[in-house]
């Protein structure tokens, strides 16, 4: 099963974000905008994990999350991957607030995956800088999204407190759906 660790923003935060991006969705229909129920902040991507690895991952994730407290966060701004948006494949909004603690939490959930051999966290992979974001839209071919980044950069969401981490399963979309399905398999409180 394809797994990742994530933080899920609360419904009122998603309401605010979705209301802000609605006009842009209409203006940029060629972007594959992320469905509301799929919006999340990825901490660690584990890749395809078998049942045995999952059994070993669960207690490690529980211990990793237990060492971290609630996080005060807010969604704000806009950007793109890769680069400045001239040849973007991903349009995102950023996270602000307890970013250092969020990066530590991401490092802890990544270390848990590495210890059990999750394919998305290979031990010999070069260290990557954690860039907290929430993906708003994707595109198969590079698109110049610079004209949308500037006005969307004005977004400043209300602050919220992240109180739990979810282990999410991603299933590829059926033919009649254009986006994957996500299911929270387990969650742990940030205490």
Foldseek 3Di string as FASTA:
>chain_A
DWKFKWFDDDPVLLVQVCVVCVVVCVVCVQWAFDDSVPWTKTLFTLGDDDPVLVVQLVVQLQVLLQVFAKWKKWWAAKQFPPDGQQFGFWIWTAMDGPVVSSNSSSVSSLVSSCVSVRPRNDPPDDDDRDGITITGTGHPGTHRCNVVRVVRRGDITDIDIGFKMFIKDWDADDPVDDGIDIDGPDMYTRD
